[in-house]
């Protein structure tokens, strides 16, 4: 389906280009730009093409400038996900000490905070650390509370 939509988009752009050329072909017009004593004269078609290429170049430059930050964010998300997976794996393989360390690190990610804290609570219980389990449970409840209040306010009828 995506190929069909892309084909339709290209066909629409080609039709738009043909329509614009049909409008510009009888009289190409003149664009005169004066800036700081320099005068440049060109046709409307060339001006529009140059304007489109300038915007494309600026968009590409912006995309390239954002690329390292996007990659860094994606790497951080993948590492957080792997810490959660490795922590859960260690927990269910019978290594609660390692699981608790990994799950504590995984709890730094807001997307998986509640799951990581709940699993860290379970790891502390398996280690026999009641105080640590109570601390993880309190943190898990605190992490769950904002989501619960948001869900209840969203479901509440408006007067």
C-alpha atoms as a PDB file:
ATOM      1  CA  UNK A   1       0.000   0.000   0.000  1.00  0.00           C
ATOM      2  CA  UNK A   2       2.870   2.363   0.779  1.00  0.00           C
ATOM      3  CA  UNK A   3       4.324   1.890  -2.712  1.00  0.00           C
ATOM      4  CA  UNK A   4       0.961   2.811  -4.225  1.00  0.00           C
ATOM      5  CA  UNK A   5       0.753   5.993  -2.117  1.00  0.00           C
ATOM      6  CA  UNK A   6       4.299   6.941  -3.076  1.00  0.00           C
ATOM      7  CA  UNK A   7       3.522   6.378  -6.747  1.00  0.00           C
ATOM      8  CA  UNK A   8       0.406   8.553  -6.442  1.00  0.00           C
ATOM      9  CA  UNK A   9       2.456  11.272  -4.744  1.00  0.00           C
ATOM     10  CA  UNK A  10       5.032  11.284  -7.532  1.00  0.00           C
ATOM     11  CA  UNK A  11       2.293  11.336 -10.159  1.00  0.00           C
ATOM     12  CA  UNK A  12       0.607  14.278  -8.416  1.00  0.00           C
ATOM     13  CA  UNK A  13       3.922  16.134  -8.260  1.00  0.00           C
ATOM     14  CA  UNK A  14       4.516  15.444 -11.953  1.00  0.00           C
ATOM     15  CA  UNK A  15       1.032  16.738 -12.784  1.00  0.00           C
ATOM     16  CA  UNK A  16       1.651  19.830 -10.673  1.00  0.00           C
ATOM     17  CA  UNK A  17       4.959  20.392 -12.435  1.00  0.00           C
ATOM     18  CA  UNK A  18       3.294  20.063 -15.836  1.00  0.00           C
ATOM     19  CA  UNK A  19       0.589  22.529 -14.783  1.00  0.00           C
ATOM     20  CA  UNK A  20       3.165  25.046 -13.552  1.00  0.00           C
ATOM     21  CA  UNK A  21       5.179  24.666 -16.737  1.00  0.00           C
ATOM     22  CA  UNK A  22       2.023  25.154 -18.802  1.00  0.00           C
ATOM     23  CA  UNK A  23       1.338  28.393 -16.937  1.00  0.00           C
ATOM     24  CA  UNK A  24       4.926  29.654 -17.211  1.00  0.00           C
ATOM     25  CA  UNK A  25       5.792  28.541 -20.750  1.00  0.00           C
ATOM     26  CA  UNK A  26       3.992  31.298 -22.719  1.00  0.00           C
ATOM     27  CA  UNK A  27       5.723  34.071 -20.774  1.00  0.00           C
ATOM     28  CA  UNK A  28       8.634  33.008 -18.574  1.00  0.00           C
ATOM     29  CA  UNK A  29       8.572  36.369 -16.808  1.00  0.00           C
ATOM     30  CA  UNK A  30      11.485  38.149 -15.210  1.00  0.00           C
ATOM     31  CA  UNK A  31      12.573  38.272 -11.607  1.00  0.00           C
ATOM     32  CA  UNK A  32      14.827  41.156 -10.712  1.00  0.00           C
ATOM     33  CA  UNK A  33      16.647  41.028  -7.375  1.00  0.00           C
ATOM     34  CA  UNK A  34      18.635  44.012  -6.137  1.00  0.00           C
ATOM     35  CA  UNK A  35      20.685  43.666  -2.999  1.00  0.00           C
ATOM     36  CA  UNK A  36      23.522  45.931  -1.796  1.00  0.00           C
ATOM     37  CA  UNK A  37      24.162  47.350  -5.215  1.00  0.00           C
ATOM     38  CA  UNK A  38      24.099  43.988  -7.000  1.00  0.00           C
ATOM     39  CA  UNK A  39      21.343  43.283  -9.506  1.00  0.00           C
ATOM     40  CA  UNK A  40      20.432  39.769 -10.628  1.00  0.00           C
ATOM     41  CA  UNK A  41      17.873  39.158 -13.376  1.00  0.00           C
ATOM     42  CA  UNK A  42      16.481  35.703 -14.076  1.00  0.00           C
ATOM     43  CA  UNK A  43      13.326  33.942 -15.236  1.00  0.00           C
ATOM     44  CA  UNK A  44      10.515  32.993 -12.882  1.00  0.00           C
ATOM     45  CA  UNK A  45      11.025  29.292 -13.603  1.00  0.00           C
ATOM     46  CA  UNK A  46      14.719  29.412 -12.664  1.00  0.00           C
ATOM     47  CA  UNK A  47      13.936  31.511  -9.576  1.00  0.00           C
ATOM     48  CA  UNK A  48      11.328  28.997  -8.366  1.00  0.00           C
ATOM     49  CA  UNK A  49      13.687  26.095  -9.011  1.00  0.00           C
ATOM     50  CA  UNK A  50      16.529  27.852  -7.176  1.00  0.00           C
ATOM     51  CA  UNK A  51      14.189  28.712  -4.278  1.00  0.00           C
ATOM     52  CA  UNK A  52      13.086  25.066  -3.984  1.00  0.00           C
ATOM     53  CA  UNK A  53      16.692  23.863  -4.082  1.00  0.00           C
ATOM     54  CA  UNK A  54      17.650  26.399  -1.420  1.00  0.00           C
ATOM     55  CA  UNK A  55      14.891  25.123   0.884  1.00  0.00           C
ATOM     56  CA  UNK A  56      15.921  21.534   0.192  1.00  0.00           C
ATOM     57  CA  UNK A  57      19.542  22.371   1.042  1.00  0.00           C
ATOM     58  CA  UNK A  58      18.493  24.119   4.275  1.00  0.00           C
ATOM     59  CA  UNK A  59      16.295  21.174   5.278  1.00  0.00           C
ATOM     60  CA  UNK A  60      19.142  18.750   4.552  1.00  0.00           C
ATOM     61  CA  UNK A  61      21.553  20.871   6.596  1.00  0.00           C
ATOM     62  CA  UNK A  62      19.086  20.943   9.517  1.00  0.00           C
ATOM     63  CA  UNK A  63      18.603  17.170   9.267  1.00  0.00           C
ATOM     64  CA  UNK A  64      22.377  16.615   9.273  1.00  0.00           C
ATOM     65  CA  UNK A  65      22.798  18.933  12.269  1.00  0.00           C
ATOM     66  CA  UNK A  66      20.147  16.983  14.236  1.00  0.00           C
ATOM     67  CA  UNK A  67      21.458  13.560  13.215  1.00  0.00           C
ATOM     68  CA  UNK A  68      24.012  13.098  16.044  1.00  0.00           C
ATOM     69  CA  UNK A  69      21.471  14.112  18.701  1.00  0.00           C
ATOM     70  CA  UNK A  70      18.838  11.786  17.274  1.00  0.00           C
ATOM     71  CA  UNK A  71      21.322   8.922  17.165  1.00  0.00           C
ATOM     72  CA  UNK A  72      22.428   9.670  20.724  1.00  0.00           C
ATOM     73  CA  UNK A  73      18.824   9.632  21.961  1.00  0.00           C
ATOM     74  CA  UNK A  74      18.112   6.375  20.125  1.00  0.00           C
ATOM     75  CA  UNK A  75      21.241   4.817  21.616  1.00  0.00           C
ATOM     76  CA  UNK A  76      20.198   5.877  25.134  1.00  0.00           C
ATOM     77  CA  UNK A  77      16.728   4.382  24.625  1.00  0.00           C
ATOM     78  CA  UNK A  78      18.197   1.113  23.360  1.00  0.00           C
ATOM     79  CA  UNK A  79      20.610   0.926  26.303  1.00  0.00           C
ATOM     80  CA  UNK A  80      17.779   1.561  28.774  1.00  0.00           C
ATOM     81  CA  UNK A  81      15.696  -1.144  27.130  1.00  0.00           C
ATOM     82  CA  UNK A  82      18.618  -3.582  27.242  1.00  0.00           C
ATOM     83  CA  UNK A  83      19.219  -2.836  30.939  1.00  0.00           C
ATOM     84  CA  UNK A  84      15.569  -3.640  31.641  1.00  0.00           C
ATOM     85  CA  UNK A  85      15.696  -6.858  29.604  1.00  0.00           C
ATOM     86  CA  UNK A  86      18.993  -7.948  31.166  1.00  0.00           C
ATOM     87  CA  UNK A  87      17.695  -7.122  34.648  1.00  0.00           C
ATOM     88  CA  UNK A  88      14.520  -9.140  34.131  1.00  0.00           C
ATOM     89  CA  UNK A  89      16.549 -11.998  32.665  1.00  0.00           C
ATOM     90  CA  UNK A  90      18.925 -11.987  35.641  1.00  0.00           C
ATOM     91  CA  UNK A  91      15.967 -11.894  38.025  1.00  0.00           C
ATOM     92  CA  UNK A  92      14.292 -14.931  36.522  1.00  0.00           C
ATOM     93  CA  UNK A  93      17.574 -16.822  36.159  1.00  0.00           C
ATOM     94  CA  UNK A  94      18.036 -16.599  39.922  1.00  0.00           C
ATOM     95  CA  UNK A  95      20.565 -13.738  40.238  1.00  0.00           C
ATOM     96  CA  UNK A  96      18.662 -11.085  42.217  1.00  0.00           C
ATOM     97  CA  UNK A  97      21.760  -9.049  43.177  1.00  0.00           C
ATOM     98  CA  UNK A  98      22.716  -8.379  39.561  1.00  0.00           C
ATOM     99  CA  UNK A  99      19.052  -7.937  38.623  1.00  0.00           C
ATOM    100  CA  UNK A 100      18.534  -5.269  41.270  1.00  0.00           C
ATOM    101  CA  UNK A 101      21.553  -3.278  40.039  1.00  0.00           C
ATOM    102  CA  UNK A 102      20.450  -3.449  36.395  1.00  0.00           C
ATOM    103  CA  UNK A 103      16.824  -2.671  37.211  1.00  0.00           C
ATOM    104  CA  UNK A 104      17.857   0.330  39.323  1.00  0.00           C
ATOM    105  CA  UNK A 105      19.700   1.684  36.276  1.00  0.00           C
ATOM    106  CA  UNK A 106      16.742   0.830  34.020  1.00  0.00           C
ATOM    107  CA  UNK A 107      14.425   2.793  36.334  1.00  0.00           C
ATOM    108  CA  UNK A 108      16.148   6.004  35.210  1.00  0.00           C
ATOM    109  CA  UNK A 109      14.230   5.728  31.921  1.00  0.00           C
ATOM    110  CA  UNK A 110      10.747   7.240  32.417  1.00  0.00           C
ATOM    111  CA  UNK A 111       9.160   4.889  29.867  1.00  0.00           C
ATOM    112  CA  UNK A 112      10.055   1.736  31.806  1.00  0.00           C
ATOM    113  CA  UNK A 113      10.339   3.207  35.300  1.00  0.00           C
ATOM    114  CA  UNK A 114       7.349   1.460  36.876  1.00  0.00           C
ATOM    115  CA  UNK A 115       8.192  -1.965  35.445  1.00  0.00           C
ATOM    116  CA  UNK A 116      11.845  -1.670  36.498  1.00  0.00           C
ATOM    117  CA  UNK A 117      10.974  -0.540  40.020  1.00  0.00           C
ATOM    118  CA  UNK A 118       8.418  -3.324  40.461  1.00  0.00           C
ATOM    119  CA  UNK A 119      10.938  -5.901  39.295  1.00  0.00           C
ATOM    120  CA  UNK A 120      13.599  -4.398  41.604  1.00  0.00           C
ATOM    121  CA  UNK A 121      11.094  -4.806  44.459  1.00  0.00           C
ATOM    122  CA  UNK A 122      10.778  -8.473  43.506  1.00  0.00           C
ATOM    123  CA  UNK A 123      14.577  -8.832  43.353  1.00  0.00           C
ATOM    124  CA  UNK A 124      14.968  -7.326  46.830  1.00  0.00           C
ATOM    125  CA  UNK A 125      12.349  -9.740  48.175  1.00  0.00           C
ATOM    126  CA  UNK A 126      14.195 -12.670  46.615  1.00  0.00           C
ATOM    127  CA  UNK A 127      17.407 -11.466  48.264  1.00  0.00           C
ATOM    128  CA  UNK A 128      15.620 -11.312  51.609  1.00  0.00           C
ATOM    129  CA  UNK A 129      16.044  -7.532  51.973  1.00  0.00           C
ATOM    130  CA  UNK A 130      12.722  -6.318  53.381  1.00  0.00           C
ATOM    131  CA  UNK A 131      13.877  -2.693  53.795  1.00  0.00           C
ATOM    132  CA  UNK A 132      15.118  -2.543  50.206  1.00  0.00           C
ATOM    133  CA  UNK A 133      11.878  -4.119  48.992  1.00  0.00           C
ATOM    134  CA  UNK A 134       9.844  -1.497  50.865  1.00  0.00           C
ATOM    135  CA  UNK A 135      11.971   1.277  49.339  1.00  0.00           C
ATOM    136  CA  UNK A 136      11.506  -0.100  45.798  1.00  0.00           C
ATOM    137  CA  UNK A 137       7.769  -0.523  46.388  1.00  0.00           C
ATOM    138  CA  UNK A 138       7.429   3.086  47.571  1.00  0.00           C
ATOM    139  CA  UNK A 139       9.302   4.315  44.512  1.00  0.00           C
ATOM    140  CA  UNK A 140       7.133   2.151  42.234  1.00  0.00           C
ATOM    141  CA  UNK A 141       3.945   3.526  43.791  1.00  0.00           C
ATOM    142  CA  UNK A 142       5.264   7.072  43.374  1.00  0.00           C
ATOM    143  CA  UNK A 143       6.097   6.351  39.725  1.00  0.00           C
ATOM    144  CA  UNK A 144       2.645   4.873  39.156  1.00  0.00           C
ATOM    145  CA  UNK A 145       0.712   7.680  40.871  1.00  0.00           C
ATOM    146  CA  UNK A 146       1.073  10.362  38.140  1.00  0.00           C
ATOM    147  CA  UNK A 147      -0.036   7.914  35.452  1.00  0.00           C
ATOM    148  CA  UNK A 148      -3.013   6.860  37.569  1.00  0.00           C
ATOM    149  CA  UNK A 149      -4.143  10.451  38.195  1.00  0.00           C
ATOM    150  CA  UNK A 150      -3.754  11.309  34.513  1.00  0.00           C
ATOM    151  CA  UNK A 151      -5.855   8.307  33.522  1.00  0.00           C
ATOM    152  CA  UNK A 152      -8.590   9.149  36.027  1.00  0.00           C
ATOM    153  CA  UNK A 153      -8.723  12.817  35.011  1.00  0.00           C
ATOM    154  CA  UNK A 154      -8.856  11.852  31.347  1.00  0.00           C
ATOM    155  CA  UNK A 155     -11.726   9.419  32.006  1.00  0.00           C
ATOM    156  CA  UNK A 156     -13.685  11.853  34.199  1.00  0.00           C
ATOM    157  CA  UNK A 157     -16.723  13.371  32.451  1.00  0.00           C
ATOM    158  CA  UNK A 158     -16.649  17.079  31.802  1.00  0.00           C
ATOM    159  CA  UNK A 159     -19.504  19.162  33.258  1.00  0.00           C
END
